[in-house]
N, C-alpha and C. Protein backbone atom coordinates (compact mmCIF):
# COMPACT_ATOMS: atom_id res chain seq x y z
N MET A 1 43.77 55.03 2.18
CA MET A 1 43.27 54.50 2.50
C MET A 1 41.69 55.19 1.80
N MET A 2 41.99 56.65 2.08
CA MET A 2 41.13 57.66 1.34
C MET A 2 40.82 57.56 -0.01
N LYS A 3 42.05 56.86 -0.54
CA LYS A 3 41.91 56.69 -1.95
C LYS A 3 40.81 55.68 -2.45
N LEU A 4 40.89 54.99 -1.61
CA LEU A 4 39.84 53.54 -1.43
C LEU A 4 38.19 54.22 -1.64
N LEU A 5 38.10 55.19 -1.26
CA LEU A 5 36.76 55.42 -0.29
C LEU A 5 36.14 56.14 -1.80
N PRO A 6 36.23 56.37 -3.10
CA PRO A 6 35.85 56.54 -4.07
C PRO A 6 35.10 55.05 -5.21
N TYR A 7 36.28 54.50 -5.06
CA TYR A 7 36.00 52.79 -5.33
C TYR A 7 35.30 52.38 -4.76
N PHE A 8 35.18 52.41 -2.91
CA PHE A 8 34.15 51.86 -2.47
C PHE A 8 32.63 52.50 -2.57
N LEU A 9 32.62 54.01 -2.54
CA LEU A 9 31.48 54.51 -3.04
C LEU A 9 30.57 53.78 -4.07
N PHE A 10 31.30 54.07 -5.30
CA PHE A 10 31.22 53.25 -6.55
C PHE A 10 30.56 52.20 -6.67
N LEU A 11 31.45 50.91 -6.17
CA LEU A 11 30.64 49.67 -5.59
C LEU A 11 29.47 49.82 -4.77
N MET A 12 29.06 50.86 -3.99
CA MET A 12 27.89 50.73 -3.39
C MET A 12 27.13 51.27 -3.94
N SER A 13 26.97 52.13 -5.06
CA SER A 13 26.05 52.38 -5.65
C SER A 13 25.87 51.44 -6.80
N LEU A 14 26.65 50.42 -7.06
CA LEU A 14 26.18 49.16 -8.09
C LEU A 14 25.54 48.44 -7.57
N THR A 15 25.92 47.96 -6.23
CA THR A 15 24.88 47.53 -5.77
C THR A 15 23.55 47.87 -5.57
N ALA A 16 23.16 48.99 -4.88
CA ALA A 16 21.82 49.63 -5.34
C ALA A 16 21.36 49.85 -6.23
N LEU A 17 22.11 49.76 -7.66
CA LEU A 17 21.01 49.69 -8.44
C LEU A 17 20.80 48.35 -9.28
N ALA A 18 21.62 47.70 -8.61
CA ALA A 18 21.30 46.07 -9.31
C ALA A 18 20.27 45.85 -8.78
N GLN A 19 19.85 45.78 -7.52
CA GLN A 19 18.87 45.85 -6.51
C GLN A 19 17.71 46.42 -6.62
N GLU A 20 17.91 47.59 -7.28
CA GLU A 20 16.42 48.43 -7.91
C GLU A 20 16.12 47.93 -8.89
N ASN A 21 16.62 47.28 -9.88
CA ASN A 21 15.96 46.72 -11.05
C ASN A 21 15.50 45.03 -11.10
N GLN A 22 14.95 45.16 -9.77
CA GLN A 22 14.97 43.58 -9.76
C GLN A 22 13.34 43.38 -10.09
N SER A 23 12.62 44.22 -10.83
CA SER A 23 10.83 44.12 -10.84
C SER A 23 10.92 44.75 -12.06
N ILE A 24 9.97 45.15 -13.14
CA ILE A 24 8.76 45.70 -14.02
C ILE A 24 7.83 46.67 -13.18
N ASN A 25 8.51 47.96 -13.63
CA ASN A 25 7.15 48.93 -13.00
C ASN A 25 5.80 48.98 -14.76
N TRP A 26 4.68 48.61 -14.61
CA TRP A 26 4.26 48.50 -15.40
C TRP A 26 3.89 50.18 -16.33
N ASP A 27 4.31 51.18 -15.71
CA ASP A 27 4.40 52.38 -16.03
C ASP A 27 4.83 52.85 -16.38
N GLU A 28 6.42 52.49 -16.27
CA GLU A 28 7.95 52.70 -17.15
C GLU A 28 8.02 51.97 -18.52
N ALA A 29 6.95 50.76 -18.36
CA ALA A 29 7.75 49.84 -19.92
C ALA A 29 6.39 50.26 -21.07
N THR A 30 7.04 49.63 -22.33
CA THR A 30 6.21 50.40 -23.19
C THR A 30 6.20 49.21 -24.19
N ILE A 31 5.47 49.00 -25.29
CA ILE A 31 5.86 48.12 -26.59
C ILE A 31 6.47 49.10 -27.07
N ASN A 32 7.53 48.71 -28.10
CA ASN A 32 8.49 49.31 -28.96
C ASN A 32 8.55 50.46 -28.75
N ASN A 33 8.35 51.33 -27.43
CA ASN A 33 8.82 52.44 -27.25
C ASN A 33 7.79 53.02 -27.74
N LYS A 34 6.62 53.25 -27.81
CA LYS A 34 5.57 53.52 -29.18
C LYS A 34 4.28 53.71 -27.62
N LEU A 35 3.88 52.28 -27.50
CA LEU A 35 2.69 52.17 -27.02
C LEU A 35 3.14 51.93 -25.40
N THR A 36 2.07 52.76 -24.49
CA THR A 36 2.01 52.03 -22.94
C THR A 36 1.40 50.89 -22.74
N LEU A 37 1.56 50.55 -21.13
CA LEU A 37 1.18 49.09 -21.61
C LEU A 37 -0.81 49.36 -21.29
N THR A 38 -0.76 50.26 -20.71
CA THR A 38 -2.35 50.96 -20.77
C THR A 38 -2.64 52.16 -21.82
N ILE A 39 -3.30 52.17 -22.94
CA ILE A 39 -3.95 52.83 -23.83
C ILE A 39 -5.00 53.18 -24.13
N SER A 40 -5.60 54.11 -24.23
CA SER A 40 -7.36 54.20 -25.06
C SER A 40 -7.05 53.16 -26.35
N LYS A 41 -8.09 52.45 -26.73
CA LYS A 41 -8.45 52.17 -27.95
C LYS A 41 -8.22 53.06 -29.26
N ARG A 42 -8.60 54.27 -29.02
CA ARG A 42 -8.55 55.54 -30.39
C ARG A 42 -6.87 55.99 -30.41
N ASP A 43 -6.31 55.89 -29.29
CA ASP A 43 -4.51 56.11 -29.23
C ASP A 43 -4.14 54.95 -30.11
N PHE A 44 -4.45 53.87 -29.91
CA PHE A 44 -3.86 52.66 -30.14
C PHE A 44 -4.34 52.86 -31.67
N GLU A 45 -5.26 52.96 -32.21
CA GLU A 45 -5.84 53.18 -33.80
C GLU A 45 -5.00 54.29 -34.57
N ALA A 46 -4.45 55.15 -33.59
CA ALA A 46 -3.78 56.17 -34.39
C ALA A 46 -2.78 56.16 -34.55
N ILE A 47 -2.02 54.96 -33.76
CA ILE A 47 -0.66 54.26 -34.50
C ILE A 47 -0.55 53.34 -35.41
N TYR A 48 -1.52 52.25 -35.15
CA TYR A 48 -1.50 51.13 -36.06
C TYR A 48 -3.03 50.79 -36.34
N LYS A 49 -4.00 52.03 -36.97
CA LYS A 49 -5.14 51.16 -37.58
C LYS A 49 -5.85 50.66 -37.32
N LYS A 50 -6.80 49.89 -37.77
CA LYS A 50 -7.33 48.96 -37.80
C LYS A 50 -6.94 47.48 -38.02
N ASP A 51 -5.90 47.36 -37.99
CA ASP A 51 -5.44 45.94 -38.53
C ASP A 51 -5.60 45.33 -37.47
N TYR A 52 -6.55 44.49 -36.40
CA TYR A 52 -6.37 44.02 -35.47
C TYR A 52 -7.97 43.07 -35.06
N ILE A 53 -8.14 42.15 -34.30
CA ILE A 53 -9.05 41.33 -33.78
C ILE A 53 -9.72 41.29 -32.41
N VAL A 54 -10.63 41.64 -32.52
CA VAL A 54 -11.33 41.75 -30.93
C VAL A 54 -12.28 40.59 -30.89
N ARG A 55 -11.78 39.87 -29.89
CA ARG A 55 -12.57 38.18 -29.40
C ARG A 55 -12.85 38.09 -28.02
N SER A 56 -13.27 36.99 -27.90
CA SER A 56 -13.73 36.93 -26.35
C SER A 56 -12.58 36.16 -25.44
N PRO A 57 -12.14 36.21 -24.46
CA PRO A 57 -11.18 35.80 -23.70
C PRO A 57 -11.30 33.87 -23.50
N THR A 58 -10.10 33.76 -23.68
CA THR A 58 -10.23 32.30 -23.00
C THR A 58 -10.51 32.28 -21.70
N GLU A 59 -10.47 30.83 -21.27
CA GLU A 59 -10.53 30.70 -19.83
C GLU A 59 -9.14 31.07 -18.71
N ASP A 60 -8.22 31.21 -19.68
CA ASP A 60 -6.86 31.20 -18.92
C ASP A 60 -6.73 32.73 -19.13
N GLU A 61 -7.24 33.78 -19.44
CA GLU A 61 -7.20 34.83 -19.85
C GLU A 61 -8.04 35.87 -19.02
N THR A 62 -8.97 35.39 -18.25
CA THR A 62 -9.80 35.64 -17.45
C THR A 62 -10.23 35.23 -15.81
N CYS A 63 -10.37 35.84 -14.99
CA CYS A 63 -11.21 35.47 -13.91
C CYS A 63 -12.83 34.75 -14.35
N GLY A 64 -12.26 33.81 -13.35
CA GLY A 64 -14.00 33.17 -13.55
C GLY A 64 -14.11 32.40 -15.09
N THR A 65 -15.35 32.07 -15.52
CA THR A 65 -15.19 31.71 -17.14
C THR A 65 -15.01 32.91 -17.79
N ALA A 66 -14.84 32.39 -19.11
CA ALA A 66 -14.95 33.17 -19.99
C ALA A 66 -16.45 33.94 -20.91
N ASP A 67 -17.65 32.74 -20.49
CA ASP A 67 -18.97 33.54 -20.34
C ASP A 67 -19.31 34.80 -19.46
N GLU A 68 -18.22 34.68 -18.63
CA GLU A 68 -18.77 35.44 -17.12
C GLU A 68 -18.21 36.98 -17.49
N ALA A 69 -17.14 36.79 -18.31
CA ALA A 69 -16.24 37.88 -18.55
C ALA A 69 -16.85 39.11 -19.05
N SER A 70 -16.62 40.52 -18.41
CA SER A 70 -17.41 41.53 -18.84
C SER A 70 -16.04 42.29 -19.76
N VAL A 71 -15.03 41.81 -19.89
CA VAL A 71 -13.74 42.31 -21.31
C VAL A 71 -13.66 41.48 -22.42
N LYS A 72 -13.12 42.03 -23.44
CA LYS A 72 -12.37 41.45 -24.28
C LYS A 72 -11.18 41.64 -24.89
N MET A 73 -10.67 40.57 -25.84
CA MET A 73 -9.58 40.59 -26.12
C MET A 73 -9.38 41.30 -27.33
N LEU A 74 -7.73 41.95 -27.19
CA LEU A 74 -7.61 42.31 -28.96
C LEU A 74 -6.01 42.31 -29.15
N ASP A 75 -6.15 41.33 -30.29
CA ASP A 75 -4.86 40.96 -31.05
C ASP A 75 -4.18 41.33 -32.29
N PHE A 76 -2.84 41.97 -31.82
CA PHE A 76 -2.42 42.66 -32.75
C PHE A 76 -1.29 41.86 -32.85
N LYS A 77 -1.42 41.39 -34.54
CA LYS A 77 -0.24 40.30 -34.69
C LYS A 77 -0.07 39.71 -33.51
N ASP A 78 0.84 39.57 -32.84
CA ASP A 78 1.44 38.45 -31.51
C ASP A 78 1.64 39.58 -30.55
N VAL A 79 0.96 40.62 -30.31
CA VAL A 79 0.58 41.02 -29.15
C VAL A 79 -1.12 41.09 -28.97
N SER A 80 -1.30 40.82 -27.36
CA SER A 80 -2.85 40.41 -27.26
C SER A 80 -2.83 41.86 -26.04
N PHE A 81 -3.91 42.28 -25.57
CA PHE A 81 -4.61 43.19 -24.95
C PHE A 81 -5.72 43.29 -24.29
N GLU A 82 -6.37 43.01 -23.03
CA GLU A 82 -7.27 43.35 -23.06
C GLU A 82 -7.93 44.26 -22.72
N VAL A 83 -9.57 44.95 -23.07
CA VAL A 83 -10.23 45.57 -23.59
C VAL A 83 -11.63 46.10 -22.53
N ASP A 84 -11.68 46.89 -21.81
CA ASP A 84 -12.20 46.83 -21.48
C ASP A 84 -12.59 48.99 -21.31
N ASN A 85 -14.19 49.07 -21.03
CA ASN A 85 -14.51 50.43 -21.88
C ASN A 85 -13.69 51.16 -22.38
N ASN A 86 -12.80 50.32 -23.49
CA ASN A 86 -12.48 51.41 -24.65
C ASN A 86 -10.68 51.30 -24.12
N ILE A 87 -10.69 50.70 -23.12
CA ILE A 87 -9.04 51.07 -22.51
C ILE A 87 -8.64 49.57 -22.92
N LEU A 88 -7.16 49.90 -23.22
CA LEU A 88 -6.32 48.53 -23.42
C LEU A 88 -5.40 48.18 -22.26
N ASN A 89 -5.05 46.90 -22.15
CA ASN A 89 -4.11 46.91 -20.87
C ASN A 89 -3.25 45.39 -21.47
N PHE A 90 -1.89 45.58 -21.75
CA PHE A 90 -1.44 44.96 -22.24
C PHE A 90 -1.15 43.76 -21.26
N ARG A 91 -1.77 42.57 -22.21
CA ARG A 91 -1.77 40.64 -21.58
C ARG A 91 -0.06 40.09 -22.15
N ASN A 92 -0.23 40.48 -23.23
CA ASN A 92 1.30 39.14 -23.70
C ASN A 92 1.35 39.89 -25.12
N ILE A 93 2.66 39.25 -25.30
CA ILE A 93 3.78 39.12 -26.34
C ILE A 93 3.87 38.10 -26.64
N VAL A 94 3.87 37.53 -27.74
CA VAL A 94 4.48 36.25 -28.42
C VAL A 94 5.48 36.40 -29.44
N PHE A 95 6.79 36.25 -29.45
CA PHE A 95 7.75 36.18 -30.14
C PHE A 95 7.92 35.04 -30.94
N SER A 96 7.39 35.25 -32.64
CA SER A 96 7.60 34.11 -33.43
C SER A 96 8.36 34.87 -34.52
N LYS A 97 8.25 33.74 -35.75
CA LYS A 97 9.11 34.48 -36.73
C LYS A 97 8.18 35.56 -37.75
N ASN A 98 6.75 35.61 -37.56
CA ASN A 98 6.15 36.48 -38.00
C ASN A 98 6.22 37.81 -37.18
N ASN A 99 6.80 38.12 -36.37
CA ASN A 99 6.50 38.97 -34.76
C ASN A 99 8.38 39.71 -34.78
N LYS A 100 9.24 39.91 -35.85
CA LYS A 100 9.82 40.19 -35.77
C LYS A 100 10.12 41.89 -35.25
N GLY A 101 9.28 42.41 -35.13
CA GLY A 101 8.98 43.87 -34.96
C GLY A 101 8.35 44.27 -33.57
N PHE A 102 8.27 43.62 -32.77
CA PHE A 102 7.63 44.00 -31.58
C PHE A 102 8.58 43.14 -30.74
N PHE A 103 8.50 44.24 -29.82
CA PHE A 103 9.16 44.19 -28.10
C PHE A 103 8.84 44.90 -27.18
N LEU A 104 9.50 44.64 -25.68
CA LEU A 104 8.89 44.94 -24.50
C LEU A 104 9.74 45.94 -24.15
N ALA A 105 10.31 46.84 -23.75
CA ALA A 105 10.87 47.94 -23.56
C ALA A 105 10.78 48.45 -22.40
N TYR A 106 11.94 48.50 -21.51
CA TYR A 106 12.32 48.67 -19.90
C TYR A 106 13.34 49.41 -19.43
N LYS A 107 13.47 50.29 -19.17
CA LYS A 107 14.94 50.67 -18.14
C LYS A 107 15.78 50.44 -19.71
N ASN A 108 15.99 50.84 -20.67
CA ASN A 108 17.20 50.48 -21.20
C ASN A 108 17.33 49.10 -21.63
N SER A 109 16.31 48.49 -21.89
CA SER A 109 16.27 47.19 -21.95
C SER A 109 15.04 46.52 -23.05
N ARG A 110 15.77 45.50 -24.10
CA ARG A 110 14.87 45.46 -24.66
C ARG A 110 14.41 43.70 -24.60
N PHE A 111 13.44 43.63 -24.54
CA PHE A 111 13.00 41.90 -24.62
C PHE A 111 11.98 41.56 -25.77
N ASP A 112 12.84 40.51 -26.42
CA ASP A 112 12.27 40.29 -27.62
C ASP A 112 12.91 38.90 -27.74
N GLU A 113 12.84 38.50 -28.66
CA GLU A 113 13.43 36.66 -29.22
C GLU A 113 15.01 36.85 -29.38
N ARG A 114 15.71 37.92 -29.05
CA ARG A 114 17.08 37.74 -28.72
C ARG A 114 17.30 37.97 -27.46
N MET A 115 16.53 37.89 -26.58
CA MET A 115 17.15 37.73 -25.02
C MET A 115 17.51 36.78 -24.83
N THR A 116 18.45 36.52 -24.28
CA THR A 116 18.47 34.91 -23.68
C THR A 116 18.60 35.30 -22.13
N LEU A 117 18.70 33.42 -21.84
CA LEU A 117 18.05 33.57 -20.37
C LEU A 117 19.08 33.76 -19.40
N ASP A 118 20.45 34.00 -19.87
CA ASP A 118 21.55 34.11 -19.23
C ASP A 118 21.72 35.63 -19.36
N THR A 119 21.43 36.54 -19.98
CA THR A 119 21.03 37.62 -20.03
C THR A 119 19.93 38.52 -18.94
N PHE A 120 18.85 37.51 -19.29
CA PHE A 120 17.77 37.93 -18.56
C PHE A 120 18.17 37.34 -16.64
N LYS A 121 18.99 36.58 -16.78
CA LYS A 121 19.08 36.83 -14.89
C LYS A 121 19.95 37.84 -14.47
N LYS A 122 20.89 38.01 -15.31
CA LYS A 122 21.93 38.92 -14.84
C LYS A 122 21.02 40.29 -14.49
N LEU A 123 19.86 40.59 -15.36
CA LEU A 123 19.29 41.70 -15.39
C LEU A 123 18.59 41.44 -14.43
N PHE A 124 17.52 40.52 -13.91
CA PHE A 124 17.17 40.34 -12.56
C PHE A 124 17.09 39.03 -11.77
N ALA A 125 18.68 39.14 -11.50
CA ALA A 125 19.44 38.09 -10.40
C ALA A 125 18.62 37.64 -9.20
N ASN A 126 18.25 38.85 -8.70
CA ASN A 126 17.59 38.49 -7.37
C ASN A 126 16.20 38.08 -7.54
N ALA A 127 15.88 38.87 -8.13
CA ALA A 127 13.86 38.30 -8.72
C ALA A 127 14.17 36.75 -8.93
N VAL A 128 14.98 36.35 -9.93
CA VAL A 128 15.18 35.06 -10.39
C VAL A 128 15.54 34.22 -9.27
N ALA A 129 16.31 34.82 -8.42
CA ALA A 129 16.51 33.40 -7.40
C ALA A 129 15.50 33.94 -6.24
N LEU A 130 14.57 34.88 -5.95
CA LEU A 130 13.16 34.82 -5.28
C LEU A 130 11.96 34.01 -5.72
N SER A 131 12.64 33.71 -7.15
CA SER A 131 11.33 32.84 -7.71
C SER A 131 11.41 31.86 -8.32
N ALA A 132 12.25 31.07 -7.58
CA ALA A 132 12.75 29.63 -7.95
C ALA A 132 11.49 28.91 -7.95
N GLU A 133 10.53 29.00 -6.39
CA GLU A 133 9.47 28.29 -6.24
C GLU A 133 8.45 28.34 -7.22
N ASN A 134 8.65 29.59 -8.18
CA ASN A 134 7.82 30.01 -8.84
C ASN A 134 8.19 29.69 -10.55
N THR A 135 9.36 28.66 -10.65
CA THR A 135 10.02 28.73 -11.86
C THR A 135 9.39 27.15 -12.52
N THR A 136 9.04 27.03 -13.40
CA THR A 136 8.25 25.68 -14.13
C THR A 136 9.62 25.44 -14.84
N VAL A 137 9.97 24.52 -15.35
CA VAL A 137 10.78 23.95 -15.75
C VAL A 137 9.52 22.71 -16.91
N ILE A 138 9.54 22.84 -18.35
CA ILE A 138 8.33 21.67 -19.00
C ILE A 138 9.78 21.73 -20.20
N ALA A 139 10.51 20.11 -20.53
CA ALA A 139 11.12 19.94 -21.56
C ALA A 139 12.30 21.10 -21.65
N ASN A 140 12.17 21.82 -22.58
CA ASN A 140 13.02 22.63 -23.08
C ASN A 140 12.62 24.22 -22.79
N GLN A 141 11.74 23.79 -22.05
CA GLN A 141 10.96 25.62 -21.62
C GLN A 141 11.23 25.76 -20.31
N ILE A 142 11.43 27.13 -20.17
CA ILE A 142 11.98 27.70 -18.54
C ILE A 142 10.91 28.92 -18.57
N ILE A 143 10.04 28.61 -17.43
CA ILE A 143 8.75 29.89 -16.99
C ILE A 143 9.57 30.35 -15.78
N LEU A 144 9.56 32.11 -15.92
CA LEU A 144 10.22 32.68 -14.98
C LEU A 144 8.87 33.51 -14.46
N ALA A 145 8.88 33.91 -13.24
CA ALA A 145 8.12 35.07 -12.58
C ALA A 145 8.68 36.04 -11.96
N VAL A 146 8.39 37.37 -12.46
CA VAL A 146 9.18 38.07 -11.77
C VAL A 146 7.87 39.21 -11.38
N PRO A 147 8.17 39.36 -10.21
CA PRO A 147 6.72 40.29 -9.62
C PRO A 147 7.25 41.86 -10.16
N ASP A 148 5.49 42.15 -10.28
CA ASP A 148 5.04 43.80 -10.50
C ASP A 148 5.62 44.63 -9.53
N SER A 149 6.48 45.90 -9.71
CA SER A 149 6.93 46.45 -8.92
C SER A 149 6.13 47.34 -8.07
N GLN A 150 4.53 47.52 -8.86
CA GLN A 150 3.76 48.45 -7.92
C GLN A 150 2.52 47.40 -6.98
N ASN A 151 2.01 46.53 -7.58
CA ASN A 151 1.29 44.99 -7.18
C ASN A 151 1.38 43.63 -6.82
N ALA A 152 2.20 43.42 -5.41
CA ALA A 152 2.98 42.35 -4.99
C ALA A 152 1.93 41.00 -5.86
N ASP A 153 0.55 41.35 -5.73
CA ASP A 153 -0.25 39.86 -6.71
C ASP A 153 -0.20 39.82 -7.66
N ASP A 154 0.09 40.57 -8.81
CA ASP A 154 0.49 40.58 -10.23
C ASP A 154 2.12 40.24 -10.45
N SER A 155 2.08 39.79 -11.89
CA SER A 155 3.39 39.43 -11.90
C SER A 155 3.63 39.42 -13.65
N TRP A 156 4.53 39.45 -13.89
CA TRP A 156 5.38 39.24 -15.55
C TRP A 156 5.79 37.91 -15.55
N GLU A 157 5.18 36.81 -16.56
CA GLU A 157 5.56 35.49 -16.60
C GLU A 157 6.59 35.60 -18.06
N PHE A 158 7.70 35.31 -18.05
CA PHE A 158 8.69 35.13 -19.34
C PHE A 158 8.95 33.62 -19.23
N VAL A 159 8.68 33.53 -20.79
CA VAL A 159 8.69 31.78 -21.19
C VAL A 159 9.85 31.95 -22.21
N PHE A 160 11.21 31.29 -21.65
CA PHE A 160 12.15 30.80 -22.40
C PHE A 160 12.00 29.44 -22.88
N VAL A 161 12.47 29.43 -24.43
CA VAL A 161 12.61 28.19 -24.88
C VAL A 161 13.72 28.08 -26.06
N ASN A 162 14.57 26.89 -25.49
CA ASN A 162 16.09 26.71 -26.15
C ASN A 162 16.89 28.04 -26.09
N ASN A 163 16.41 28.28 -24.78
CA ASN A 163 17.89 29.58 -24.22
C ASN A 163 17.24 31.12 -24.15
N ASN A 164 15.59 31.11 -25.11
CA ASN A 164 15.53 32.22 -25.83
C ASN A 164 14.58 32.54 -25.51
N LEU A 165 14.03 34.08 -25.43
CA LEU A 165 12.60 34.59 -25.06
C LEU A 165 11.66 34.17 -26.15
N LYS A 166 10.59 33.42 -25.47
CA LYS A 166 9.44 33.04 -26.50
C LYS A 166 8.18 33.99 -26.20
N SER A 167 7.91 34.02 -25.13
CA SER A 167 6.67 34.97 -24.57
C SER A 167 6.65 36.30 -23.54
N ILE A 168 6.16 36.97 -23.03
CA ILE A 168 6.08 37.67 -22.00
C ILE A 168 4.65 37.92 -21.72
N ARG A 169 3.81 37.30 -20.85
CA ARG A 169 2.61 37.47 -20.12
C ARG A 169 2.38 38.06 -18.99
N TYR A 170 1.49 39.30 -18.81
CA TYR A 170 1.32 39.76 -17.53
C TYR A 170 0.09 38.83 -17.03
N ASN A 171 0.20 38.61 -15.63
CA ASN A 171 -0.41 38.22 -14.65
C ASN A 171 -1.23 39.13 -14.23
N PHE A 172 -2.79 38.97 -14.30
CA PHE A 172 -3.57 40.18 -13.02
C PHE A 172 -3.75 39.05 -12.41
N SER A 173 -3.87 39.50 -11.13
CA SER A 173 -4.43 39.02 -9.78
C SER A 173 -6.21 38.67 -9.93
N CYS A 174 -6.55 38.27 -9.11
CA CYS A 174 -8.66 37.47 -9.49
C CYS A 174 -9.07 37.99 -8.62
N GLU A 175 -8.19 38.82 -7.30
CA GLU A 175 -8.58 39.16 -5.90
C GLU A 175 -8.72 40.79 -5.99
């Protein structure tokens, strides 16, 4: 009986670890292990120079109408940030043939075009099960919502096309 105790404790620790990793913490995630998700424009430019476009947000990128928005959007290749008072907040990343170098990193996991839906479900089994009502299926596209670990009103949206990750979007609450 005492010989089984270490195995039992090991299994309990795995269960606790698995349940702990059911959301994504904004402060612990990065882009390419270089950029925090909130970064000053100056620090961003020190890493990526000025090869970007600043534009007005579209209707689905802001609360209210695009004309009412007090923020701008910064697009760098296939990564978008919301710009407010020279502070950048990550909004989305699209994985395409032109965007082979960008990924979201979180807790030793790399989220990019090679991430499959099955791998994602293993990483976030409980969150995927809980977000069943927030899962949208359109043709060959599956959209999954995973909560932010710090703000229950905000969420991460993962879009899979043909079983591979196509994009990640962070949805801020408008309230």
